[in-house]
Amino acid sequence: MEVTITPSNTAATAARFETTVTDSAGRSIGIKEPDFLAQFRLIEILGRSAENQQYVNMVRPVLYVCSIDGVSVAPPHSKGEVEALITRLGPSGYNALAAALLARVSDDENAADELKK
C-alpha cells in the first residue's frame, strides 16, 4: 500500500478534536483528543487492571479531559491519578464527557457515510 502525504493530509492529521462541555453541575470541562501514545501509556499505568477490557473502556475517556472550569488538567501518570480524576469528575462530569465523545463518534460515522455516497 502506498501512502502519499500532502500538505492538506498533514494539516488534517495534526488537527485534533477539541471542545468544551458543561456538566449538570455547571462545570465547564475541556476535552481534547490525546495523542495516540497516551492510550498505550494508559495500559501501562493501569497495570493488571488493564486485563479487564470493560474497565479500560470506562477509564479511557478521562484521557480526553484537559481542563475543568478553565483550570488545566495534566494527563494522568499513575493509576492513583486516574482514579483522582474520575473522582474529581464525578458522575455528572463523567457523563458529560462520555456524551460528548459518543456524539463525536456518531459525527465521524455520519461523515464517513456521506463520503460513501
PDB file of N, CA and C in Angstrom:
ATOM      1  N   MET A   1       0.841  -1.161   0.000  1.00  0.00           N
ATOM      2  CA  MET A   1       0.000   0.000   0.000  1.00  0.00           C
ATOM      3  C   MET A   1       0.896   1.237   0.000  1.00  0.00           C
ATOM      4  N   GLU A   2       0.586   2.188  -0.853  1.00  0.00           N
ATOM      5  CA  GLU A   2       1.356   3.422  -0.948  1.00  0.00           C
ATOM      6  C   GLU A   2       0.558   4.556  -0.328  1.00  0.00           C
ATOM      7  N   VAL A   3       1.212   5.327   0.523  1.00  0.00           N
ATOM      8  CA  VAL A   3       0.583   6.484   1.159  1.00  0.00           C
ATOM      9  C   VAL A   3       1.327   7.731   0.713  1.00  0.00           C
ATOM     10  N   THR A   4       0.577   8.694   0.228  1.00  0.00           N
ATOM     11  CA  THR A   4       1.170   9.952  -0.196  1.00  0.00           C
ATOM     12  C   THR A   4       0.767  11.030   0.796  1.00  0.00           C
ATOM     13  N   ILE A   5       1.760  11.715   1.347  1.00  0.00           N
ATOM     14  CA  ILE A   5       1.485  12.797   2.285  1.00  0.00           C
ATOM     15  C   ILE A   5       1.497  14.112   1.525  1.00  0.00           C
ATOM     16  N   THR A   6       0.403  14.831   1.614  1.00  0.00           N
ATOM     17  CA  THR A   6       0.314  16.151   1.009  1.00  0.00           C
ATOM     18  C   THR A   6       0.130  17.157   2.136  1.00  0.00           C
ATOM     19  N   PRO A   7       0.338  18.436   1.874  1.00  0.00           N
ATOM     20  CA  PRO A   7       0.148  19.428   2.944  1.00  0.00           C
ATOM     21  C   PRO A   7      -1.238  19.356   3.575  1.00  0.00           C
ATOM     22  N   SER A   8      -2.274  19.124   2.780  1.00  0.00           N
ATOM     23  CA  SER A   8      -3.617  19.059   3.357  1.00  0.00           C
ATOM     24  C   SER A   8      -3.774  17.827   4.236  1.00  0.00           C
ATOM     25  N   ASN A   9      -3.173  16.689   3.854  1.00  0.00           N
ATOM     26  CA  ASN A   9      -3.226  15.499   4.705  1.00  0.00           C
ATOM     27  C   ASN A   9      -2.495  15.744   6.016  1.00  0.00           C
ATOM     28  N   THR A  10      -1.363  16.422   5.952  1.00  0.00           N
ATOM     29  CA  THR A  10      -0.589  16.705   7.151  1.00  0.00           C
ATOM     30  C   THR A  10      -1.375  17.598   8.092  1.00  0.00           C
ATOM     31  N   ALA A  11      -2.016  18.620   7.570  1.00  0.00           N
ATOM     32  CA  ALA A  11      -2.803  19.530   8.403  1.00  0.00           C
ATOM     33  C   ALA A  11      -3.976  18.802   9.036  1.00  0.00           C
ATOM     34  N   ALA A  12      -4.620  17.931   8.279  1.00  0.00           N
ATOM     35  CA  ALA A  12      -5.756  17.188   8.821  1.00  0.00           C
ATOM     36  C   ALA A  12      -5.313  16.236   9.916  1.00  0.00           C
ATOM     37  N   THR A  13      -4.144  15.621   9.752  1.00  0.00           N
ATOM     38  CA  THR A  13      -3.633  14.707  10.760  1.00  0.00           C
ATOM     39  C   THR A  13      -3.267  15.461  12.031  1.00  0.00           C
ATOM     40  N   ALA A  14      -2.720  16.658  11.878  1.00  0.00           N
ATOM     41  CA  ALA A  14      -2.285  17.433  13.036  1.00  0.00           C
ATOM     42  C   ALA A  14      -3.466  17.965  13.840  1.00  0.00           C
ATOM     43  N   ALA A  15      -4.599  18.209  13.197  1.00  0.00           N
ATOM     44  CA  ALA A  15      -5.766  18.742  13.892  1.00  0.00           C
ATOM     45  C   ALA A  15      -6.380  17.667  14.769  1.00  0.00           C
ATOM     46  N   ARG A  16      -6.507  17.995  16.040  1.00  0.00           N
ATOM     47  CA  ARG A  16      -7.104  17.037  16.968  1.00  0.00           C
ATOM     48  C   ARG A  16      -8.409  17.618  17.493  1.00  0.00           C
ATOM     49  N   PHE A  17      -9.343  16.728  17.737  1.00  0.00           N
ATOM     50  CA  PHE A  17     -10.653  17.089  18.270  1.00  0.00           C
ATOM     51  C   PHE A  17     -10.488  17.848  19.587  1.00  0.00           C
ATOM     52  N   GLU A  18     -11.189  18.983  19.698  1.00  0.00           N
ATOM     53  CA  GLU A  18     -11.154  19.762  20.935  1.00  0.00           C
ATOM     54  C   GLU A  18     -12.495  20.459  21.105  1.00  0.00           C
ATOM     55  N   THR A  19     -13.054  20.400  22.314  1.00  0.00           N
ATOM     56  CA  THR A  19     -14.330  21.054  22.590  1.00  0.00           C
ATOM     57  C   THR A  19     -14.464  21.268  24.091  1.00  0.00           C
ATOM     58  N   THR A  20     -15.537  21.917  24.474  1.00  0.00           N
ATOM     59  CA  THR A  20     -15.858  22.124  25.889  1.00  0.00           C
ATOM     60  C   THR A  20     -17.308  21.725  26.094  1.00  0.00           C
ATOM     61  N   VAL A  21     -17.566  21.035  27.194  1.00  0.00           N
ATOM     62  CA  VAL A  21     -18.935  20.668  27.546  1.00  0.00           C
ATOM     63  C   VAL A  21     -19.221  21.170  28.953  1.00  0.00           C
ATOM     64  N   THR A  22     -20.494  21.325  29.256  1.00  0.00           N
ATOM     65  CA  THR A  22     -20.913  21.728  30.596  1.00  0.00           C
ATOM     66  C   THR A  22     -21.671  20.569  31.211  1.00  0.00           C
ATOM     67  N   ASP A  23     -21.249  20.171  32.407  1.00  0.00           N
ATOM     68  CA  ASP A  23     -21.930  19.056  33.061  1.00  0.00           C
ATOM     69  C   ASP A  23     -23.146  19.562  33.833  1.00  0.00           C
ATOM     70  N   SER A  24     -23.903  18.646  34.400  1.00  0.00           N
ATOM     71  CA  SER A  24     -25.142  19.022  35.093  1.00  0.00           C
ATOM     72  C   SER A  24     -24.876  19.825  36.364  1.00  0.00           C
ATOM     73  N   ALA A  25     -23.635  19.840  36.835  1.00  0.00           N
ATOM     74  CA  ALA A  25     -23.270  20.657  38.000  1.00  0.00           C
ATOM     75  C   ALA A  25     -22.838  22.063  37.575  1.00  0.00           C
ATOM     76  N   GLY A  26     -22.848  22.333  36.257  1.00  0.00           N
ATOM     77  CA  GLY A  26     -22.489  23.642  35.746  1.00  0.00           C
ATOM     78  C   GLY A  26     -21.004  23.840  35.505  1.00  0.00           C
ATOM     79  N   ARG A  27     -20.220  22.785  35.661  1.00  0.00           N
ATOM     80  CA  ARG A  27     -18.782  22.905  35.420  1.00  0.00           C
ATOM     81  C   ARG A  27     -18.476  22.816  33.925  1.00  0.00           C
ATOM     82  N   SER A  28     -17.488  23.577  33.506  1.00  0.00           N
ATOM     83  CA  SER A  28     -17.020  23.551  32.128  1.00  0.00           C
ATOM     84  C   SER A  28     -15.872  22.543  32.055  1.00  0.00           C
ATOM     85  N   ILE A  29     -16.008  21.551  31.182  1.00  0.00           N
ATOM     86  CA  ILE A  29     -14.991  20.513  31.050  1.00  0.00           C
ATOM     87  C   ILE A  29     -14.393  20.596  29.654  1.00  0.00           C
ATOM     88  N   GLY A  30     -13.095  20.916  29.617  1.00  0.00           N
ATOM     89  CA  GLY A  30     -12.376  20.976  28.347  1.00  0.00           C
ATOM     90  C   GLY A  30     -11.996  19.574  27.914  1.00  0.00           C
ATOM     91  N   ILE A  31     -12.243  19.282  26.651  1.00  0.00           N
ATOM     92  CA  ILE A  31     -11.976  17.955  26.102  1.00  0.00           C
ATOM     93  C   ILE A  31     -11.066  18.118  24.892  1.00  0.00           C
ATOM     94  N   LYS A  32      -9.990  17.369  24.884  1.00  0.00           N
ATOM     95  CA  LYS A  32      -9.059  17.413  23.764  1.00  0.00           C
ATOM     96  C   LYS A  32      -8.573  15.995  23.486  1.00  0.00           C
ATOM     97  N   GLU A  33      -8.575  15.632  22.211  1.00  0.00           N
ATOM     98  CA  GLU A  33      -8.120  14.301  21.833  1.00  0.00           C
ATOM     99  C   GLU A  33      -6.669  14.122  22.262  1.00  0.00           C
ATOM    100  N   PRO A  34      -6.384  13.064  23.040  1.00  0.00           N
ATOM    101  CA  PRO A  34      -4.999  12.848  23.466  1.00  0.00           C
ATOM    102  C   PRO A  34      -4.156  12.339  22.303  1.00  0.00           C
ATOM    103  N   ASP A  35      -2.846  12.475  22.447  1.00  0.00           N
ATOM    104  CA  ASP A  35      -2.010  11.914  21.397  1.00  0.00           C
ATOM    105  C   ASP A  35      -2.132  10.392  21.436  1.00  0.00           C
ATOM    106  N   PHE A  36      -1.821   9.776  20.331  1.00  0.00           N
ATOM    107  CA  PHE A  36      -2.020   8.332  20.167  1.00  0.00           C
ATOM    108  C   PHE A  36      -1.275   7.524  21.225  1.00  0.00           C
ATOM    109  N   LEU A  37      -0.090   7.958  21.586  1.00  0.00           N
ATOM    110  CA  LEU A  37       0.724   7.239  22.555  1.00  0.00           C
ATOM    111  C   LEU A  37       0.084   7.208  23.940  1.00  0.00           C
ATOM    112  N   ALA A  38      -0.732   8.195  24.260  1.00  0.00           N
ATOM    113  CA  ALA A  38      -1.371   8.261  25.578  1.00  0.00           C
ATOM    114  C   ALA A  38      -2.206   7.013  25.868  1.00  0.00           C
ATOM    115  N   GLN A  39      -2.828   6.449  24.844  1.00  0.00           N
ATOM    116  CA  GLN A  39      -3.638   5.252  25.049  1.00  0.00           C
ATOM    117  C   GLN A  39      -2.773   4.060  25.438  1.00  0.00           C
ATOM    118  N   PHE A  40      -1.577   3.989  24.882  1.00  0.00           N
ATOM    119  CA  PHE A  40      -0.660   2.912  25.243  1.00  0.00           C
ATOM    120  C   PHE A  40      -0.115   3.129  26.650  1.00  0.00           C
ATOM    121  N   ARG A  41       0.161   4.374  26.984  1.00  0.00           N
ATOM    122  CA  ARG A  41       0.630   4.685  28.337  1.00  0.00           C
ATOM    123  C   ARG A  41      -0.430   4.326  29.373  1.00  0.00           C
ATOM    124  N   LEU A  42      -1.698   4.538  29.021  1.00  0.00           N
ATOM    125  CA  LEU A  42      -2.773   4.209  29.949  1.00  0.00           C
ATOM    126  C   LEU A  42      -2.729   2.732  30.333  1.00  0.00           C
ATOM    127  N   ILE A  43      -2.501   1.873  29.367  1.00  0.00           N
ATOM    128  CA  ILE A  43      -2.440   0.438  29.643  1.00  0.00           C
ATOM    129  C   ILE A  43      -1.320   0.144  30.639  1.00  0.00           C
ATOM    130  N   GLU A  44      -0.190   0.780  30.447  1.00  0.00           N
ATOM    131  CA  GLU A  44       0.933   0.582  31.372  1.00  0.00           C
ATOM    132  C   GLU A  44       0.585   1.105  32.765  1.00  0.00           C
ATOM    133  N   ILE A  45      -0.050   2.270  32.823  1.00  0.00           N
ATOM    134  CA  ILE A  45      -0.442   2.880  34.093  1.00  0.00           C
ATOM    135  C   ILE A  45      -1.402   1.981  34.862  1.00  0.00           C
ATOM    136  N   LEU A  46      -2.343   1.384  34.141  1.00  0.00           N
ATOM    137  CA  LEU A  46      -3.377   0.576  34.794  1.00  0.00           C
ATOM    138  C   LEU A  46      -2.859  -0.765  35.292  1.00  0.00           C
ATOM    139  N   GLY A  47      -1.738  -1.207  34.768  1.00  0.00           N
ATOM    140  CA  GLY A  47      -1.170  -2.473  35.231  1.00  0.00           C
ATOM    141  C   GLY A  47      -2.123  -3.637  34.998  1.00  0.00           C
ATOM    142  N   ARG A  48      -2.288  -4.470  35.995  1.00  0.00           N
ATOM    143  CA  ARG A  48      -3.138  -5.662  35.859  1.00  0.00           C
ATOM    144  C   ARG A  48      -4.595  -5.321  35.582  1.00  0.00           C
ATOM    145  N   SER A  49      -5.028  -4.149  36.006  1.00  0.00           N
ATOM    146  CA  SER A  49      -6.414  -3.749  35.741  1.00  0.00           C
ATOM    147  C   SER A  49      -6.686  -3.631  34.246  1.00  0.00           C
ATOM    148  N   ALA A  50      -5.624  -3.439  33.452  1.00  0.00           N
ATOM    149  CA  ALA A  50      -5.773  -3.316  32.001  1.00  0.00           C
ATOM    150  C   ALA A  50      -6.199  -4.635  31.367  1.00  0.00           C
ATOM    151  N   GLU A  51      -6.111  -5.720  32.106  1.00  0.00           N
ATOM    152  CA  GLU A  51      -6.578  -7.003  31.592  1.00  0.00           C
ATOM    153  C   GLU A  51      -8.104  -7.042  31.490  1.00  0.00           C
ATOM    154  N   ASN A  52      -8.775  -6.152  32.211  1.00  0.00           N
ATOM    155  CA  ASN A  52     -10.233  -6.063  32.191  1.00  0.00           C
ATOM    156  C   ASN A  52     -10.629  -5.019  31.140  1.00  0.00           C
ATOM    157  N   GLN A  53     -11.038  -5.484  29.962  1.00  0.00           N
ATOM    158  CA  GLN A  53     -11.341  -4.581  28.839  1.00  0.00           C
ATOM    159  C   GLN A  53     -12.471  -3.618  29.173  1.00  0.00           C
ATOM    160  N   GLN A  54     -13.453  -4.055  29.921  1.00  0.00           N
ATOM    161  CA  GLN A  54     -14.558  -3.164  30.287  1.00  0.00           C
ATOM    162  C   GLN A  54     -14.039  -1.999  31.143  1.00  0.00           C
ATOM    163  N   TYR A  55     -13.139  -2.297  32.064  1.00  0.00           N
ATOM    164  CA  TYR A  55     -12.547  -1.252  32.896  1.00  0.00           C
ATOM    165  C   TYR A  55     -11.755  -0.263  32.036  1.00  0.00           C
ATOM    166  N   VAL A  56     -10.955  -0.773  31.118  1.00  0.00           N
ATOM    167  CA  VAL A  56     -10.168   0.091  30.233  1.00  0.00           C
ATOM    168  C   VAL A  56     -11.099   0.999  29.427  1.00  0.00           C
ATOM    169  N   ASN A  57     -12.184   0.446  28.903  1.00  0.00           N
ATOM    170  CA  ASN A  57     -13.138   1.236  28.119  1.00  0.00           C
ATOM    171  C   ASN A  57     -13.795   2.331  28.962  1.00  0.00           C
ATOM    172  N   MET A  58     -14.010   2.038  30.243  1.00  0.00           N
ATOM    173  CA  MET A  58     -14.620   3.040  31.125  1.00  0.00           C
ATOM    174  C   MET A  58     -13.620   4.130  31.506  1.00  0.00           C
ATOM    175  N   VAL A  59     -12.343   3.785  31.591  1.00  0.00           N
ATOM    176  CA  VAL A  59     -11.310   4.724  32.015  1.00  0.00           C
ATOM    177  C   VAL A  59     -10.795   5.581  30.857  1.00  0.00           C
ATOM    178  N   ARG A  60     -10.747   5.026  29.654  1.00  0.00           N
ATOM    179  CA  ARG A  60     -10.153   5.719  28.507  1.00  0.00           C
ATOM    180  C   ARG A  60     -10.662   7.154  28.320  1.00  0.00           C
ATOM    181  N   PRO A  61     -11.947   7.460  28.503  1.00  0.00           N
ATOM    182  CA  PRO A  61     -12.403   8.840  28.286  1.00  0.00           C
ATOM    183  C   PRO A  61     -11.689   9.889  29.137  1.00  0.00           C
ATOM    184  N   VAL A  62     -11.188   9.527  30.316  1.00  0.00           N
ATOM    185  CA  VAL A  62     -10.539  10.544  31.155  1.00  0.00           C
ATOM    186  C   VAL A  62      -9.270  11.084  30.506  1.00  0.00           C
ATOM    187  N   LEU A  63      -8.707  10.356  29.539  1.00  0.00           N
ATOM    188  CA  LEU A  63      -7.533  10.852  28.819  1.00  0.00           C
ATOM    189  C   LEU A  63      -7.844  12.129  28.046  1.00  0.00           C
ATOM    190  N   TYR A  64      -9.124  12.349  27.724  1.00  0.00           N
ATOM    191  CA  TYR A  64      -9.541  13.493  26.928  1.00  0.00           C
ATOM    192  C   TYR A  64      -9.719  14.772  27.753  1.00  0.00           C
ATOM    193  N   VAL A  65      -9.783  14.655  29.062  1.00  0.00           N
ATOM    194  CA  VAL A  65     -10.011  15.837  29.909  1.00  0.00           C
ATOM    195  C   VAL A  65      -8.747  16.686  29.930  1.00  0.00           C
ATOM    196  N   CYS A  66      -8.872  17.940  29.499  1.00  0.00           N
ATOM    197  CA  CYS A  66      -7.711  18.841  29.507  1.00  0.00           C
ATOM    198  C   CYS A  66      -7.896  20.014  30.459  1.00  0.00           C
ATOM    199  N   SER A  67      -9.158  20.251  30.898  1.00  0.00           N
ATOM    200  CA  SER A  67      -9.394  21.317  31.876  1.00  0.00           C
ATOM    201  C   SER A  67     -10.746  21.121  32.545  1.00  0.00           C
ATOM    202  N   ILE A  68     -10.854  21.680  33.735  1.00  0.00           N
ATOM    203  CA  ILE A  68     -12.131  21.727  34.451  1.00  0.00           C
ATOM    204  C   ILE A  68     -12.269  23.156  34.966  1.00  0.00           C
ATOM    205  N   ASP A  69     -13.349  23.806  34.556  1.00  0.00           N
ATOM    206  CA  ASP A  69     -13.586  25.216  34.899  1.00  0.00           C
ATOM    207  C   ASP A  69     -12.388  26.100  34.555  1.00  0.00           C
ATOM    208  N   GLY A  70     -11.784  25.845  33.394  1.00  0.00           N
ATOM    209  CA  GLY A  70     -10.690  26.671  32.914  1.00  0.00           C
ATOM    210  C   GLY A  70      -9.333  26.369  33.536  1.00  0.00           C
ATOM    211  N   VAL A  71      -9.287  25.453  34.483  1.00  0.00           N
ATOM    212  CA  VAL A  71      -8.024  25.083  35.116  1.00  0.00           C
ATOM    213  C   VAL A  71      -7.487  23.841  34.407  1.00  0.00           C
ATOM    214  N   SER A  72      -6.269  23.936  33.891  1.00  0.00           N
ATOM    215  CA  SER A  72      -5.669  22.823  33.151  1.00  0.00           C
ATOM    216  C   SER A  72      -5.598  21.563  34.009  1.00  0.00           C
ATOM    217  N   VAL A  73      -5.823  20.435  33.345  1.00  0.00           N
ATOM    218  CA  VAL A  73      -5.710  19.126  33.979  1.00  0.00           C
ATOM    219  C   VAL A  73      -4.610  18.368  33.247  1.00  0.00           C
ATOM    220  N   ALA A  74      -3.586  17.975  33.978  1.00  0.00           N
ATOM    221  CA  ALA A  74      -2.481  17.227  33.384  1.00  0.00           C
ATOM    222  C   ALA A  74      -2.923  15.792  33.112  1.00  0.00           C
ATOM    223  N   PRO A  75      -2.378  15.176  32.072  1.00  0.00           N
ATOM    224  CA  PRO A  75      -2.701  13.769  31.820  1.00  0.00           C
ATOM    225  C   PRO A  75      -2.258  12.914  33.015  1.00  0.00           C
ATOM    226  N   PRO A  76      -3.032  11.913  33.355  1.00  0.00           N
ATOM    227  CA  PRO A  76      -2.662  11.068  34.498  1.00  0.00           C
ATOM    228  C   PRO A  76      -1.404  10.245  34.195  1.00  0.00           C
ATOM    229  N   HIS A  77      -0.549  10.095  35.223  1.00  0.00           N
ATOM    230  CA  HIS A  77       0.687   9.333  35.087  1.00  0.00           C
ATOM    231  C   HIS A  77       0.748   8.141  36.029  1.00  0.00           C
ATOM    232  N   SER A  78      -0.339   7.928  36.765  1.00  0.00           N
ATOM    233  CA  SER A  78      -0.396   6.778  37.661  1.00  0.00           C
ATOM    234  C   SER A  78      -1.862   6.369  37.810  1.00  0.00           C
ATOM    235  N   LYS A  79      -2.073   5.165  38.294  1.00  0.00           N
ATOM    236  CA  LYS A  79      -3.446   4.699  38.496  1.00  0.00           C
ATOM    237  C   LYS A  79      -4.145   5.573  39.535  1.00  0.00           C
ATOM    238  N   GLY A  80      -3.393   6.023  40.542  1.00  0.00           N
ATOM    239  CA  GLY A  80      -3.964   6.923  41.544  1.00  0.00           C
ATOM    240  C   GLY A  80      -4.439   8.232  40.938  1.00  0.00           C
ATOM    241  N   GLU A  81      -3.678   8.764  39.985  1.00  0.00           N
ATOM    242  CA  GLU A  81      -4.080   9.996  39.307  1.00  0.00           C
ATOM    243  C   GLU A  81      -5.303   9.767  38.429  1.00  0.00           C
ATOM    244  N   VAL A  82      -5.384   8.607  37.805  1.00  0.00           N
ATOM    245  CA  VAL A  82      -6.575   8.261  37.008  1.00  0.00           C
ATOM    246  C   VAL A  82      -7.795   8.256  37.922  1.00  0.00           C
ATOM    247  N   GLU A  83      -7.674   7.577  39.056  1.00  0.00           N
ATOM    248  CA  GLU A  83      -8.799   7.474  39.994  1.00  0.00           C
ATOM    249  C   GLU A  83      -9.152   8.838  40.586  1.00  0.00           C
ATOM    250  N   ALA A  84      -8.135   9.668  40.843  1.00  0.00           N
ATOM    251  CA  ALA A  84      -8.396  11.010  41.381  1.00  0.00           C
ATOM    252  C   ALA A  84      -9.174  11.853  40.370  1.00  0.00           C
ATOM    253  N   LEU A  85      -8.829  11.735  39.093  1.00  0.00           N
ATOM    254  CA  LEU A  85      -9.539  12.486  38.059  1.00  0.00           C
ATOM    255  C   LEU A  85     -10.974  11.982  37.913  1.00  0.00           C
ATOM    256  N   ILE A  86     -11.159  10.682  37.979  1.00  0.00           N
ATOM    257  CA  ILE A  86     -12.523  10.129  37.918  1.00  0.00           C
ATOM    258  C   ILE A  86     -13.342  10.657  39.093  1.00  0.00           C
ATOM    259  N   THR A  87     -12.739  10.670  40.275  1.00  0.00           N
ATOM    260  CA  THR A  87     -13.423  11.181  41.467  1.00  0.00           C
ATOM    261  C   THR A  87     -13.743  12.661  41.308  1.00  0.00           C
ATOM    262  N   ARG A  88     -12.791  13.414  40.771  1.00  0.00           N
ATOM    263  CA  ARG A  88     -13.000  14.847  40.567  1.00  0.00           C
ATOM    264  C   ARG A  88     -14.128  15.111  39.577  1.00  0.00           C
ATOM    265  N   LEU A  89     -14.185  14.320  38.515  1.00  0.00           N
ATOM    266  CA  LEU A  89     -15.264  14.474  37.536  1.00  0.00           C
ATOM    267  C   LEU A  89     -16.611  14.120  38.148  1.00  0.00           C
ATOM    268  N   GLY A  90     -16.638  13.036  38.913  1.00  0.00           N
ATOM    269  CA  GLY A  90     -17.895  12.553  39.474  1.00  0.00           C
ATOM    270  C   GLY A  90     -18.828  12.099  38.370  1.00  0.00           C
ATOM    271  N   PRO A  91     -19.997  11.625  38.745  1.00  0.00           N
ATOM    272  CA  PRO A  91     -20.944  11.136  37.736  1.00  0.00           C
ATOM    273  C   PRO A  91     -21.359  12.195  36.720  1.00  0.00           C
ATOM    274  N   SER A  92     -21.595  13.430  37.162  1.00  0.00           N
ATOM    275  CA  SER A  92     -22.060  14.447  36.207  1.00  0.00           C
ATOM    276  C   SER A  92     -20.978  14.808  35.198  1.00  0.00           C
ATOM    277  N   GLY A  93     -19.746  14.937  35.648  1.00  0.00           N
ATOM    278  CA  GLY A  93     -18.652  15.258  34.731  1.00  0.00           C
ATOM    279  C   GLY A  93     -18.343  14.116  33.794  1.00  0.00           C
ATOM    280  N   TYR A  94     -18.323  12.901  34.342  1.00  0.00           N
ATOM    281  CA  TYR A  94     -18.031  11.729  33.516  1.00  0.00           C
ATOM    282  C   TYR A  94     -19.122  11.537  32.467  1.00  0.00           C
ATOM    283  N   ASN A  95     -20.381  11.700  32.856  1.00  0.00           N
ATOM    284  CA  ASN A  95     -21.486  11.525  31.903  1.00  0.00           C
ATOM    285  C   ASN A  95     -21.440  12.573  30.796  1.00  0.00           C
ATOM    286  N   ALA A  96     -21.103  13.822  31.131  1.00  0.00           N
ATOM    287  CA  ALA A  96     -20.991  14.870  30.105  1.00  0.00           C
ATOM    288  C   ALA A  96     -19.837  14.557  29.153  1.00  0.00           C
ATOM    289  N   LEU A  97     -18.725  14.096  29.707  1.00  0.00           N
ATOM    290  CA  LEU A  97     -17.571  13.706  28.908  1.00  0.00           C
ATOM    291  C   LEU A  97     -17.927  12.565  27.965  1.00  0.00           C
ATOM    292  N   ALA A  98     -18.535  11.526  28.510  1.00  0.00           N
ATOM    293  CA  ALA A  98     -18.905  10.359  27.706  1.00  0.00           C
ATOM    294  C   ALA A  98     -19.888  10.740  26.602  1.00  0.00           C
ATOM    295  N   ALA A  99     -20.865  11.599  26.920  1.00  0.00           N
ATOM    296  CA  ALA A  99     -21.847  12.027  25.917  1.00  0.00           C
ATOM    297  C   ALA A  99     -21.172  12.798  24.782  1.00  0.00           C
ATOM    298  N   ALA A 100     -20.216  13.659  25.127  1.00  0.00           N
ATOM    299  CA  ALA A 100     -19.504  14.435  24.101  1.00  0.00           C
ATOM    300  C   ALA A 100     -18.689  13.520  23.199  1.00  0.00           C
ATOM    301  N   LEU A 101     -18.024  12.532  23.790  1.00  0.00           N
ATOM    302  CA  LEU A 101     -17.223  11.611  22.986  1.00  0.00           C
ATOM    303  C   LEU A 101     -18.101  10.711  22.132  1.00  0.00           C
ATOM    304  N   LEU A 102     -19.239  10.305  22.659  1.00  0.00           N
ATOM    305  CA  LEU A 102     -20.178   9.496  21.880  1.00  0.00           C
ATOM    306  C   LEU A 102     -20.721  10.300  20.701  1.00  0.00           C
ATOM    307  N   ALA A 103     -21.025  11.564  20.930  1.00  0.00           N
ATOM    308  CA  ALA A 103     -21.507  12.424  19.843  1.00  0.00           C
ATOM    309  C   ALA A 103     -20.425  12.584  18.776  1.00  0.00           C
ATOM    310  N   ARG A 104     -19.176  12.676  19.214  1.00  0.00           N
ATOM    311  CA  ARG A 104     -18.056  12.797  18.270  1.00  0.00           C
ATOM    312  C   ARG A 104     -17.967  11.553  17.386  1.00  0.00           C
ATOM    313  N   VAL A 105     -18.087  10.378  17.989  1.00  0.00           N
ATOM    314  CA  VAL A 105     -18.039   9.124  17.222  1.00  0.00           C
ATOM    315  C   VAL A 105     -19.200   9.081  16.241  1.00  0.00           C
ATOM    316  N   SER A 106     -20.369   9.482  16.689  1.00  0.00           N
ATOM    317  CA  SER A 106     -21.549   9.495  15.824  1.00  0.00           C
ATOM    318  C   SER A 106     -21.336  10.448  14.643  1.00  0.00           C
ATOM    319  N   ASP A 107     -20.766  11.633  14.922  1.00  0.00           N
ATOM    320  CA  ASP A 107     -20.484  12.595  13.849  1.00  0.00           C
ATOM    321  C   ASP A 107     -19.490  12.019  12.845  1.00  0.00           C
ATOM    322  N   ASP A 108     -18.457  11.332  13.348  1.00  0.00           N
ATOM    323  CA  ASP A 108     -17.459  10.710  12.466  1.00  0.00           C
ATOM    324  C   ASP A 108     -18.092   9.645  11.585  1.00  0.00           C
ATOM    325  N   GLU A 109     -18.987   8.845  12.163  1.00  0.00           N
ATOM    326  CA  GLU A 109     -19.662   7.807  11.390  1.00  0.00           C
ATOM    327  C   GLU A 109     -20.561   8.417  10.327  1.00  0.00           C
ATOM    328  N   ASN A 110     -21.256   9.480  10.673  1.00  0.00           N
ATOM    329  CA  ASN A 110     -22.125  10.164   9.692  1.00  0.00           C
ATOM    330  C   ASN A 110     -21.300  10.757   8.560  1.00  0.00           C
ATOM    331  N   ALA A 111     -20.166  11.333   8.889  1.00  0.00           N
ATOM    332  CA  ALA A 111     -19.283  11.898   7.860  1.00  0.00           C
ATOM    333  C   ALA A 111     -18.756  10.793   6.941  1.00  0.00           C
ATOM    334  N   ALA A 112     -18.423   9.648   7.515  1.00  0.00           N
ATOM    335  CA  ALA A 112     -17.943   8.522   6.706  1.00  0.00           C
ATOM    336  C   ALA A 112     -19.045   8.031   5.783  1.00  0.00           C
ATOM    337  N   ASP A 113     -20.275   7.975   6.275  1.00  0.00           N
ATOM    338  CA  ASP A 113     -21.398   7.566   5.448  1.00  0.00           C
ATOM    339  C   ASP A 113     -21.610   8.525   4.290  1.00  0.00           C
ATOM    340  N   GLU A 114     -21.449   9.826   4.542  1.00  0.00           N
ATOM    341  CA  GLU A 114     -21.602  10.820   3.494  1.00  0.00           C
ATOM    342  C   GLU A 114     -20.535  10.658   2.416  1.00  0.00           C
ATOM    343  N   LEU A 115     -19.325  10.305   2.826  1.00  0.00           N
ATOM    344  CA  LEU A 115     -18.246  10.103   1.850  1.00  0.00           C
ATOM    345  C   LEU A 115     -18.503   8.896   0.956  1.00  0.00           C
ATOM    346  N   LYS A 116     -19.218   7.923   1.473  1.00  0.00           N
ATOM    347  CA  LYS A 116     -19.507   6.706   0.706  1.00  0.00           C
ATOM    348  C   LYS A 116     -20.534   6.958  -0.395  1.00  0.00           C
ATOM    349  N   LYS A 117     -21.310   8.017  -0.248  1.00  0.00           N
ATOM    350  CA  LYS A 117     -22.377   8.311  -1.220  1.00  0.00           C
ATOM    351  C   LYS A 117     -21.821   8.857  -2.504  1.00  0.00           C
TER     352      LYS A 117
END
